[in-house]
C-alpha atoms as a PDB file:
ATOM      1  CA  MET A   1     -13.066  26.286  -2.524  1.00  0.00           C
ATOM      2  CA  SER A   2     -14.753  23.746  -0.252  1.00  0.00           C
ATOM      3  CA  VAL A   3     -18.070  21.921   0.056  1.00  0.00           C
ATOM      4  CA  ASP A   4     -19.845  20.808   3.208  1.00  0.00           C
ATOM      5  CA  ASN A   5     -22.657  18.513   2.052  1.00  0.00           C
ATOM      6  CA  PHE A   6     -23.385  15.828  -0.538  1.00  0.00           C
ATOM      7  CA  GLU A   7     -25.768  17.990  -2.568  1.00  0.00           C
ATOM      8  CA  SER A   8     -23.169  20.721  -3.047  1.00  0.00           C
ATOM      9  CA  ALA A   9     -20.556  18.133  -3.951  1.00  0.00           C
ATOM     10  CA  LEU A  10     -22.833  16.540  -6.542  1.00  0.00           C
ATOM     11  CA  GLU A  11     -23.533  19.945  -8.076  1.00  0.00           C
ATOM     12  CA  LEU A  12     -19.823  20.729  -8.211  1.00  0.00           C
ATOM     13  CA  SER A  13     -19.139  17.354  -9.846  1.00  0.00           C
ATOM     14  CA  ARG A  14     -20.885  18.687 -12.973  1.00  0.00           C
ATOM     15  CA  SER A  15     -18.573  21.698 -13.239  1.00  0.00           C
ATOM     16  CA  ASP A  16     -16.576  22.317 -16.415  1.00  0.00           C
ATOM     17  CA  ASN A  17     -13.555  23.091 -14.214  1.00  0.00           C
ATOM     18  CA  SER A  18     -11.502  19.977 -13.388  1.00  0.00           C
ATOM     19  CA  HIS A  19     -10.158  21.508 -10.160  1.00  0.00           C
ATOM     20  CA  GLU A  20     -13.697  22.081  -8.916  1.00  0.00           C
ATOM     21  CA  ARG A  21     -14.590  18.490  -9.802  1.00  0.00           C
ATOM     22  CA  LEU A  22     -11.567  17.334  -7.801  1.00  0.00           C
ATOM     23  CA  VAL A  23     -12.832  19.301  -4.779  1.00  0.00           C
ATOM     24  CA  ALA A  24     -16.133  17.435  -5.099  1.00  0.00           C
ATOM     25  CA  ALA A  25     -14.413  14.052  -5.463  1.00  0.00           C
ATOM     26  CA  ARG A  26     -12.258  14.662  -2.406  1.00  0.00           C
ATOM     27  CA  TYR A  27     -15.372  15.468  -0.405  1.00  0.00           C
ATOM     28  CA  PHE A  28     -16.732  12.014  -1.274  1.00  0.00           C
ATOM     29  CA  MET A  29     -13.344  10.473  -0.406  1.00  0.00           C
ATOM     30  CA  THR A  30     -13.554  11.762   3.171  1.00  0.00           C
ATOM     31  CA  ASN A  31     -17.317  11.355   3.646  1.00  0.00           C
ATOM     32  CA  ALA A  32     -17.987   7.735   2.721  1.00  0.00           C
ATOM     33  CA  SER A  33     -21.630   6.916   1.975  1.00  0.00           C
ATOM     34  CA  SER A  34     -23.122   4.381  -0.409  1.00  0.00           C
ATOM     35  CA  ASP A  35     -26.216   6.562  -0.924  1.00  0.00           C
ATOM     36  CA  HIS A  36     -24.618   8.243  -3.931  1.00  0.00           C
ATOM     37  CA  ASP A  37     -22.851   5.266  -5.501  1.00  0.00           C
ATOM     38  CA  ALA A  38     -25.009   5.482  -8.620  1.00  0.00           C
ATOM     39  CA  GLU A  39     -24.116   9.150  -9.141  1.00  0.00           C
ATOM     40  CA  LEU A  40     -20.422   8.452  -8.496  1.00  0.00           C
ATOM     41  CA  LYS A  41     -20.351   5.552 -10.968  1.00  0.00           C
ATOM     42  CA  SER A  42     -22.094   7.678 -13.597  1.00  0.00           C
ATOM     43  CA  TRP A  43     -19.617  10.481 -12.959  1.00  0.00           C
ATOM     44  CA  LEU A  44     -16.665   8.063 -13.179  1.00  0.00           C
ATOM     45  CA  ALA A  45     -17.904   6.824 -16.573  1.00  0.00           C
ATOM     46  CA  ARG A  46     -17.969  10.326 -18.058  1.00  0.00           C
ATOM     47  CA  GLU A  47     -14.913  11.795 -16.289  1.00  0.00           C
ATOM     48  CA  THR A  48     -11.928  12.371 -18.589  1.00  0.00           C
ATOM     49  CA  VAL A  49      -9.282  13.737 -16.177  1.00  0.00           C
ATOM     50  CA  GLY A  50      -7.083  11.013 -14.673  1.00  0.00           C
ATOM     51  CA  TRP A  51      -6.493  12.451 -11.232  1.00  0.00           C
ATOM     52  CA  VAL A  52     -10.212  13.186 -10.774  1.00  0.00           C
ATOM     53  CA  LYS A  53     -11.039   9.620 -11.870  1.00  0.00           C
ATOM     54  CA  ASN A  54      -8.604   8.305  -9.248  1.00  0.00           C
ATOM     55  CA  ALA A  55     -10.316  10.312  -6.508  1.00  0.00           C
ATOM     56  CA  ILE A  56     -13.767   9.028  -7.565  1.00  0.00           C
ATOM     57  CA  ASP A  57     -12.424   5.476  -7.596  1.00  0.00           C
ATOM     58  CA  ILE A  58     -11.056   5.868  -4.046  1.00  0.00           C
ATOM     59  CA  ALA A  59     -14.432   7.248  -2.896  1.00  0.00           C
ATOM     60  CA  LEU A  60     -16.264   4.261  -4.391  1.00  0.00           C
ATOM     61  CA  THR A  61     -13.827   1.837  -2.735  1.00  0.00           C
ATOM     62  CA  LYS A  62     -14.381   3.447   0.661  1.00  0.00           C
ATOM     63  CA  ASN A  63     -18.158   3.310   0.157  1.00  0.00           C
ATOM     64  CA  THR A  64     -17.943  -0.414  -0.578  1.00  0.00           C
ATOM     65  CA  GLN A  65     -15.821  -1.051   2.493  1.00  0.00           C
ATOM     66  CA  LYS A  66     -18.144   0.936   4.738  1.00  0.00           C
ATOM     67  CA  GLN A  67     -21.220  -0.863   3.412  1.00  0.00           C
ATOM     68  CA  ALA A  68     -19.553  -4.236   3.923  1.00  0.00           C
ATOM     69  CA  LEU A  69     -19.191  -3.388   7.614  1.00  0.00           C
ATOM     70  CA  LEU A  70     -22.897  -2.511   7.898  1.00  0.00           C
ATOM     71  CA  ASP A  71     -24.540  -5.261   5.836  1.00  0.00           C
ATOM     72  CA  PRO A  72     -23.761  -8.925   5.159  1.00  0.00           C
ATOM     73  CA  PRO A  73     -22.364  -9.063   1.614  1.00  0.00           C
ATOM     74  CA  ASP A  74     -23.968 -10.911  -1.272  1.00  0.00           C
ATOM     75  CA  THR A  75     -21.634 -13.890  -1.457  1.00  0.00           C
ATOM     76  CA  THR A  76     -22.352 -14.251  -5.175  1.00  0.00           C
ATOM     77  CA  GLU A  77     -20.531 -10.987  -5.868  1.00  0.00           C
ATOM     78  CA  VAL A  78     -16.765 -11.359  -6.134  1.00  0.00           C
ATOM     79  CA  GLU A  79     -16.099  -7.710  -5.228  1.00  0.00           C
ATOM     80  CA  ASN A  80     -18.064  -7.927  -1.968  1.00  0.00           C
ATOM     81  CA  LYS A  81     -16.419 -11.241  -1.075  1.00  0.00           C
ATOM     82  CA  THR A  82     -12.976  -9.694  -1.550  1.00  0.00           C
ATOM     83  CA  VAL A  83     -13.777  -6.616   0.527  1.00  0.00           C
ATOM     84  CA  SER A  84     -15.338  -8.704   3.300  1.00  0.00           C
ATOM     85  CA  TYR A  85     -12.305 -10.995   3.359  1.00  0.00           C
ATOM     86  CA  THR A  86      -9.947  -8.023   3.710  1.00  0.00           C
ATOM     87  CA  LEU A  87     -12.013  -6.431   6.480  1.00  0.00           C
ATOM     88  CA  ALA A  88     -12.275  -9.744   8.317  1.00  0.00           C
ATOM     89  CA  LEU A  89      -8.533 -10.301   8.052  1.00  0.00           C
ATOM     90  CA  ARG A  90      -7.824  -6.916   9.636  1.00  0.00           C
ATOM     91  CA  GLU A  91     -10.093  -7.804  12.536  1.00  0.00           C
ATOM     92  CA  VAL A  92      -8.522 -11.242  12.897  1.00  0.00           C
ATOM     93  CA  ALA A  93      -5.040  -9.680  12.764  1.00  0.00           C
ATOM     94  CA  SER A  94      -5.885  -7.466  15.732  1.00  0.00           C
ATOM     95  CA  ILE A  95      -7.277 -10.394  17.717  1.00  0.00           C
ATOM     96  CA  MET A  96      -4.321 -12.656  16.926  1.00  0.00           C
ATOM     97  CA  LEU A  97      -1.788  -9.989  17.832  1.00  0.00           C
ATOM     98  CA  HIS A  98      -3.532  -9.291  21.136  1.00  0.00           C
ATOM     99  CA  GLU A  99      -4.149 -12.876  22.170  1.00  0.00           C
ATOM    100  CA  LEU A 100      -1.388 -14.951  20.585  1.00  0.00           C
ATOM    101  CA  GLU A 101       1.715 -12.766  20.185  1.00  0.00           C
ATOM    102  CA  PRO A 102       2.528 -12.764  23.953  1.00  0.00           C
ATOM    103  CA  ARG A 103       2.074 -16.545  24.040  1.00  0.00           C
ATOM    104  CA  ILE A 104       4.459 -16.962  21.115  1.00  0.00           C
ATOM    105  CA  GLY A 105       7.069 -15.025  23.064  1.00  0.00           C
ATOM    106  CA  ILE A 106       6.644 -17.264  26.103  1.00  0.00           C
ATOM    107  CA  LEU A 107       6.785 -20.373  23.910  1.00  0.00           C
ATOM    108  CA  GLY A 108      10.081 -19.215  22.431  1.00  0.00           C
ATOM    109  CA  VAL A 109      11.616 -18.926  25.897  1.00  0.00           C
ATOM    110  CA  LYS A 110      10.309 -22.364  26.914  1.00  0.00           C
ATOM    111  CA  LEU A 111      11.657 -24.024  23.774  1.00  0.00           C
ATOM    112  CA  LYS A 112      15.129 -22.696  24.468  1.00  0.00           C
ATOM    113  CA  ASP A 113      15.043 -24.416  27.855  1.00  0.00           C
ATOM    114  CA  ASP A 114      13.471 -27.660  26.652  1.00  0.00           C
ATOM    115  CA  ILE A 115      15.293 -28.362  23.374  1.00  0.00           C
ATOM    116  CA  PRO A 116      19.019 -29.180  23.321  1.00  0.00           C
ATOM    117  CA  ASN A 117      21.029 -27.122  20.805  1.00  0.00           C
ATOM    118  CA  TYR A 118      17.957 -24.972  20.204  1.00  0.00           C
ATOM    119  CA  GLU A 119      19.806 -22.276  18.240  1.00  0.00           C
ATOM    120  CA  ASP A 120      20.757 -24.798  15.545  1.00  0.00           C
ATOM    121  CA  SER A 121      17.446 -26.658  15.540  1.00  0.00           C
ATOM    122  CA  ALA A 122      14.566 -26.798  13.065  1.00  0.00           C
ATOM    123  CA  SER A 123      12.322 -25.659  15.927  1.00  0.00           C
ATOM    124  CA  ARG A 124      14.160 -22.332  16.125  1.00  0.00           C
ATOM    125  CA  ARG A 125      13.814 -21.808  12.371  1.00  0.00           C
ATOM    126  CA  GLN A 126      10.091 -22.480  12.537  1.00  0.00           C
ATOM    127  CA  MET A 127       9.757 -20.147  15.535  1.00  0.00           C
ATOM    128  CA  ASP A 128      11.565 -17.384  13.635  1.00  0.00           C
ATOM    129  CA  HIS A 129       9.201 -17.913  10.692  1.00  0.00           C
ATOM    130  CA  LEU A 130       6.203 -17.652  13.036  1.00  0.00           C
ATOM    131  CA  LYS A 131       7.556 -14.412  14.537  1.00  0.00           C
ATOM    132  CA  ASP A 132       8.001 -12.968  11.037  1.00  0.00           C
ATOM    133  CA  PHE A 133       4.378 -13.834  10.280  1.00  0.00           C
ATOM    134  CA  PHE A 134       3.169 -11.914  13.325  1.00  0.00           C
ATOM    135  CA  LYS A 135       5.361  -8.979  12.319  1.00  0.00           C
ATOM    136  CA  ALA A 136       3.621  -8.947   8.915  1.00  0.00           C
ATOM    137  CA  LEU A 137       0.225  -9.027  10.628  1.00  0.00           C
ATOM    138  CA  SER A 138       1.283  -6.088  12.770  1.00  0.00           C
ATOM    139  CA  PHE A 139       2.262  -4.096   9.678  1.00  0.00           C
ATOM    140  CA  LEU A 140      -1.107  -4.891   8.082  1.00  0.00           C
ATOM    141  CA  ARG A 141      -2.930  -3.521  11.101  1.00  0.00           C
ATOM    142  CA  LEU A 142      -0.730  -0.415  11.184  1.00  0.00           C
ATOM    143  CA  ALA A 143      -1.511   0.205   7.508  1.00  0.00           C
ATOM    144  CA  THR A 144      -5.146   0.909   8.430  1.00  0.00           C
ATOM    145  CA  GLU A 145      -4.319   3.575  11.038  1.00  0.00           C
ATOM    146  CA  VAL A 146      -3.741   7.245  10.211  1.00  0.00           C
ATOM    147  CA  THR A 147      -1.848   8.777  13.139  1.00  0.00           C
ATOM    148  CA  GLY A 148      -1.335  12.262  11.673  1.00  0.00           C
ATOM    149  CA  SER A 149       0.174  14.136   8.743  1.00  0.00           C
ATOM    150  CA  ASP A 150       3.069  16.554   8.652  1.00  0.00           C
ATOM    151  CA  SER A 151       5.237  18.309   6.065  1.00  0.00           C
ATOM    152  CA  PHE A 152       8.785  17.174   5.259  1.00  0.00           C
ATOM    153  CA  THR A 153      11.430  17.340   2.544  1.00  0.00           C
ATOM    154  CA  CYS A 154      10.905  14.299   0.352  1.00  0.00           C
ATOM    155  CA  SER A 155      14.559  13.857  -0.685  1.00  0.00           C
ATOM    156  CA  ASP A 156      15.847  13.976   2.912  1.00  0.00           C
ATOM    157  CA  TRP A 157      13.156  11.579   4.066  1.00  0.00           C
ATOM    158  CA  ILE A 158      13.919   9.005   1.360  1.00  0.00           C
ATOM    159  CA  SER A 159      17.666   9.339   1.974  1.00  0.00           C
ATOM    160  CA  GLY A 160      17.072   8.642   5.655  1.00  0.00           C
ATOM    161  CA  LEU A 161      14.919   5.636   4.810  1.00  0.00           C
ATOM    162  CA  ILE A 162      17.694   3.869   2.857  1.00  0.00           C
ATOM    163  CA  GLU A 163      20.695   5.197   4.815  1.00  0.00           C
ATOM    164  CA  GLY A 164      22.807   2.475   6.374  1.00  0.00           C
ATOM    165  CA  HIS A 165      21.266  -0.375   4.387  1.00  0.00           C
ATOM    166  CA  PRO A 166      23.689  -2.483   2.308  1.00  0.00           C
ATOM    167  CA  TYR A 167      21.615  -1.966  -0.838  1.00  0.00           C
ATOM    168  CA  ALA A 168      21.837   1.849  -0.636  1.00  0.00           C
ATOM    169  CA  LYS A 169      24.892   2.001  -2.936  1.00  0.00           C
ATOM    170  CA  ASN A 170      22.818   0.434  -5.724  1.00  0.00           C
ATOM    171  CA  ILE A 171      20.045   3.052  -5.543  1.00  0.00           C
ATOM    172  CA  ARG A 172      20.028   6.402  -7.348  1.00  0.00           C
ATOM    173  CA  LEU A 173      17.823   9.239  -6.087  1.00  0.00           C
ATOM    174  CA  ILE A 174      16.902  11.633  -8.900  1.00  0.00           C
ATOM    175  CA  GLY A 175      13.936  13.705  -7.714  1.00  0.00           C
ATOM    176  CA  PRO A 176      13.822  17.454  -6.939  1.00  0.00           C
ATOM    177  CA  GLN A 177      15.829  18.132  -3.786  1.00  0.00           C
ATOM    178  CA  GLY A 178      13.685  20.884  -2.291  1.00  0.00           C
ATOM    179  CA  LEU A 179      10.236  19.331  -2.673  1.00  0.00           C
ATOM    180  CA  ILE A 180       8.122  19.542   0.489  1.00  0.00           C
ATOM    181  CA  VAL A 181       5.367  16.920   0.747  1.00  0.00           C
ATOM    182  CA  ARG A 182       2.674  16.270   3.332  1.00  0.00           C
ATOM    183  CA  ALA A 183       1.700  12.779   4.504  1.00  0.00           C
ATOM    184  CA  ASP A 184       1.493  10.385   7.414  1.00  0.00           C
ATOM    185  CA  GLN A 185       5.157   9.331   7.450  1.00  0.00           C
ATOM    186  CA  GLY A 186       4.442   5.968   9.087  1.00  0.00           C
ATOM    187  CA  LEU A 187       1.999   4.916   6.377  1.00  0.00           C
ATOM    188  CA  LEU A 188       4.212   6.212   3.574  1.00  0.00           C
ATOM    189  CA  LYS A 189       7.189   4.317   5.034  1.00  0.00           C
ATOM    190  CA  LEU A 190       5.184   1.062   5.115  1.00  0.00           C
ATOM    191  CA  ALA A 191       4.320   1.465   1.440  1.00  0.00           C
ATOM    192  CA  LEU A 192       7.663   2.707   0.091  1.00  0.00           C
ATOM    193  CA  SER A 193       9.763   0.241   2.111  1.00  0.00           C
ATOM    194  CA  ASN A 194       7.889  -2.593   0.449  1.00  0.00           C
ATOM    195  CA  GLY A 195       8.531  -1.181  -3.017  1.00  0.00           C
ATOM    196  CA  ILE A 196      12.248  -0.757  -2.316  1.00  0.00           C
ATOM    197  CA  LYS A 197      12.526  -4.248  -0.821  1.00  0.00           C
ATOM    198  CA  ASN A 198      10.831  -5.824  -3.838  1.00  0.00           C
ATOM    199  CA  ALA A 199      13.059  -3.878  -6.251  1.00  0.00           C
ATOM    200  CA  VAL A 200      16.219  -4.924  -4.396  1.00  0.00           C
ATOM    201  CA  GLU A 201      15.230  -8.608  -4.332  1.00  0.00           C
ATOM    202  CA  SER A 202      14.120  -8.621  -7.974  1.00  0.00           C
ATOM    203  CA  THR A 203      17.323  -6.918  -9.134  1.00  0.00           C
ATOM    204  CA  ALA A 204      19.489  -9.289  -7.085  1.00  0.00           C
ATOM    205  CA  ALA A 205      17.733 -12.291  -8.626  1.00  0.00           C
ATOM    206  CA  ALA A 206      18.141 -10.937 -12.161  1.00  0.00           C
ATOM    207  CA  SER A 207      21.824 -10.109 -11.598  1.00  0.00           C
ATOM    208  CA  GLN A 208      22.564 -13.830 -11.276  1.00  0.00           C
ATOM    209  CA  THR A 209      22.055 -14.257 -15.021  1.00  0.00           C
ATOM    210  CA  ARG A 210      22.669 -10.824 -16.561  1.00  0.00           C
ATOM    211  CA  SER A 211      24.007  -7.331 -15.936  1.00  0.00           C
ATOM    212  CA  THR A 212      21.468  -5.050 -14.219  1.00  0.00           C
ATOM    213  CA  GLU A 213      21.110  -1.285 -13.791  1.00  0.00           C
ATOM    214  CA  ASP A 214      20.844   0.623 -10.506  1.00  0.00           C
ATOM    215  CA  ILE A 215      17.453   0.981  -8.858  1.00  0.00           C
ATOM    216  CA  ILE A 216      16.031   4.480  -9.337  1.00  0.00           C
ATOM    217  CA  ILE A 217      13.805   6.288  -6.854  1.00  0.00           C
ATOM    218  CA  ASN A 218      12.159   9.346  -8.365  1.00  0.00           C
ATOM    219  CA  TRP A 219       9.582  11.686  -6.877  1.00  0.00           C
ATOM    220  CA  GLY A 220       7.664  14.823  -7.718  1.00  0.00           C
ATOM    221  CA  GLU A 221       4.346  16.589  -7.637  1.00  0.00           C
ATOM    222  CA  THR A 222       1.541  17.749  -9.879  1.00  0.00           C
ATOM    223  CA  ASN A 223      -0.900  20.518  -9.109  1.00  0.00           C
ATOM    224  CA  VAL A 224      -3.095  18.006  -7.253  1.00  0.00           C
ATOM    225  CA  ASP A 225      -0.922  15.205  -5.882  1.00  0.00           C
ATOM    226  CA  TYR A 226       2.514  13.940  -4.840  1.00  0.00           C
ATOM    227  CA  TRP A 227       4.178  10.828  -6.222  1.00  0.00           C
ATOM    228  CA  ILE A 228       7.130   8.533  -5.567  1.00  0.00           C
ATOM    229  CA  ALA A 229       8.266   5.865  -8.033  1.00  0.00           C
ATOM    230  CA  VAL A 230      10.695   2.968  -7.573  1.00  0.00           C
ATOM    231  CA  ILE A 231      12.051   1.759 -10.926  1.00  0.00           C
ATOM    232  CA  ASP A 232      14.070  -1.436 -11.200  1.00  0.00           C
ATOM    233  CA  ASP A 233      15.720  -3.527 -13.896  1.00  0.00           C
ATOM    234  CA  GLY A 234      14.946  -6.797 -12.157  1.00  0.00           C
ATOM    235  CA  SER A 235      13.215 -10.008 -13.121  1.00  0.00           C
ATOM    236  CA  GLY A 236       9.769  -8.452 -13.659  1.00  0.00           C
ATOM    237  CA  LEU A 237       6.434  -9.065 -12.009  1.00  0.00           C
ATOM    238  CA  GLY A 238       5.786 -12.661 -12.971  1.00  0.00           C
ATOM    239  CA  LYS A 239       2.028 -12.341 -12.392  1.00  0.00           C
ATOM    240  CA  PRO A 240      -0.710  -9.802 -13.220  1.00  0.00           C
ATOM    241  CA  THR A 241      -0.722  -6.881 -10.783  1.00  0.00           C
ATOM    242  CA  GLU A 242      -4.198  -7.604  -9.438  1.00  0.00           C
ATOM    243  CA  LYS A 243      -3.088 -11.100  -8.433  1.00  0.00           C
ATOM    244  CA  LEU A 244       0.158  -9.942  -6.842  1.00  0.00           C
ATOM    245  CA  ILE A 245      -1.688  -7.545  -4.510  1.00  0.00           C
ATOM    246  CA  ARG A 246      -4.010 -10.255  -3.183  1.00  0.00           C
ATOM    247  CA  ILE A 247      -3.234 -11.394   0.340  1.00  0.00           C
ATOM    248  CA  GLY A 248      -1.273 -14.633   0.360  1.00  0.00           C
ATOM    249  CA  THR A 249       0.015 -14.303  -3.215  1.00  0.00           C
ATOM    250  CA  THR A 250       3.777 -14.270  -3.695  1.00  0.00           C
ATOM    251  CA  THR A 251       6.369 -15.286  -6.280  1.00  0.00           C
ATOM    252  CA  LYS A 252       9.068 -15.682  -3.599  1.00  0.00           C
ATOM    253  CA  PRO A 253       9.603 -18.880  -1.585  1.00  0.00           C
ATOM    254  CA  GLY A 254       9.268 -18.369   2.162  1.00  0.00           C
ATOM    255  CA  HIS A 255       7.319 -15.102   1.869  1.00  0.00           C
ATOM    256  CA  PHE A 256       3.819 -14.606   3.290  1.00  0.00           C
ATOM    257  CA  GLY A 257       2.390 -12.642   0.360  1.00  0.00           C
ATOM    258  CA  MET A 258       1.284  -9.670   2.469  1.00  0.00           C
ATOM    259  CA  GLY A 259       3.823  -7.022   1.431  1.00  0.00           C
ATOM    260  CA  LEU A 260       1.911  -5.492  -1.476  1.00  0.00           C
ATOM    261  CA  THR A 261      -1.376  -5.806   0.437  1.00  0.00           C
ATOM    262  CA  ILE A 262       0.161  -3.807   3.284  1.00  0.00           C
ATOM    263  CA  ALA A 263       1.480  -1.188   0.841  1.00  0.00           C
ATOM    264  CA  GLN A 264      -1.879  -0.910  -0.913  1.00  0.00           C
ATOM    265  CA  GLN A 265      -3.780  -0.558   2.372  1.00  0.00           C
ATOM    266  CA  ALA A 266      -1.326   2.091   3.585  1.00  0.00           C
ATOM    267  CA  MET A 267      -1.933   4.136   0.437  1.00  0.00           C
ATOM    268  CA  GLN A 268      -5.716   3.740   0.730  1.00  0.00           C
ATOM    269  CA  SER A 269      -5.449   5.084   4.280  1.00  0.00           C
ATOM    270  CA  LEU A 270      -3.563   8.073   2.808  1.00  0.00           C
ATOM    271  CA  ASN A 271      -6.355   8.584   0.245  1.00  0.00           C
ATOM    272  CA  GLY A 272      -3.850   7.553  -2.372  1.00  0.00           C
ATOM    273  CA  LYS A 273      -3.123   4.678  -4.747  1.00  0.00           C
ATOM    274  CA  LEU A 274      -0.457   2.102  -5.414  1.00  0.00           C
ATOM    275  CA  SER A 275       0.213   1.142  -9.026  1.00  0.00           C
ATOM    276  CA  LEU A 276       2.586  -1.551 -10.206  1.00  0.00           C
ATOM    277  CA  HIS A 277       3.454  -2.359 -13.783  1.00  0.00           C
ATOM    278  CA  SER A 278       6.219  -3.730 -15.944  1.00  0.00           C
ATOM    279  CA  PRO A 279       7.122  -1.532 -18.950  1.00  0.00           C
ATOM    280  CA  ALA A 280       8.957  -4.439 -20.603  1.00  0.00           C
ATOM    281  CA  PRO A 281       9.424  -8.181 -20.092  1.00  0.00           C
ATOM    282  CA  ILE A 282      11.966  -7.272 -17.416  1.00  0.00           C
ATOM    283  CA  GLY A 283      11.924  -4.659 -14.672  1.00  0.00           C
ATOM    284  CA  ALA A 284       9.054  -2.997 -12.833  1.00  0.00           C
ATOM    285  CA  VAL A 285       7.730   0.411 -11.800  1.00  0.00           C
ATOM    286  CA  PHE A 286       6.239   0.727  -8.299  1.00  0.00           C
ATOM    287  CA  GLU A 287       4.429   4.062  -7.967  1.00  0.00           C
ATOM    288  CA  LEU A 288       2.743   5.720  -4.997  1.00  0.00           C
ATOM    289  CA  ARG A 289       0.418   8.706  -5.439  1.00  0.00           C
ATOM    290  CA  TRP A 290      -1.520  10.633  -2.822  1.00  0.00           C
ATOM    291  CA  TYR A 291      -3.500  13.847  -2.921  1.00  0.00           C
ATOM    292  CA  LYS A 292      -2.264  17.133  -1.509  1.00  0.00           C
END
């Protein structure tokens, strides 16, 4: 079943069949327009099925982002200020990468010639930090770009992602081996790599004071979506999830606080969601879900 206009989608949103309501919600996900925000919010309030609610929520988020590009936001509204900040940062990231990244490369070469013992100097360490910052900006920009989707075996893909890394021996893969998923692999890699990296660092930190379990990566599917979860026994989140995902927020010294923002943006580009929670005072669950 498919719909090809807003009126048909709105009519289908009132169906008693949850699968038909999901078809309607996915239409709104891929056809962003703020004209029907009131109807979508009313629908979200009465919807009882979780995966349909997620699709409506994604549609509303895309509507807000699109409207922020068209109209100056009301600066008294926190939501609009946050969206505008994120959109502006993406634009600034593109400009900085285009204009400044080549100059940083030239500066690095010049410093090597001008500073004695450059490799052991504080200048080199600061230059490396600056290069890492531009790498993070590049990942943020990439997280907004869908280059194409294809089908692949989830277990093989995850195995390839961690193969050769020193932390691989501390990770257990326990999902179904034959599951075929469909996604933009570049975006999914940006998101999942961040979750694995955070789990590894959190577990390593916790292992300094207590015994820790292996990191688990699990995956699967429902009748409407795919999911991948990274479960760790590390030091926990430390801050509320909504604060951790904000750009510039980090609990780790020397980090830029863009990792979870990049992962979240990558999942939004996939019409999916990132969720992060701690089931106990220790450990965390990093879950990615995206629609089939």
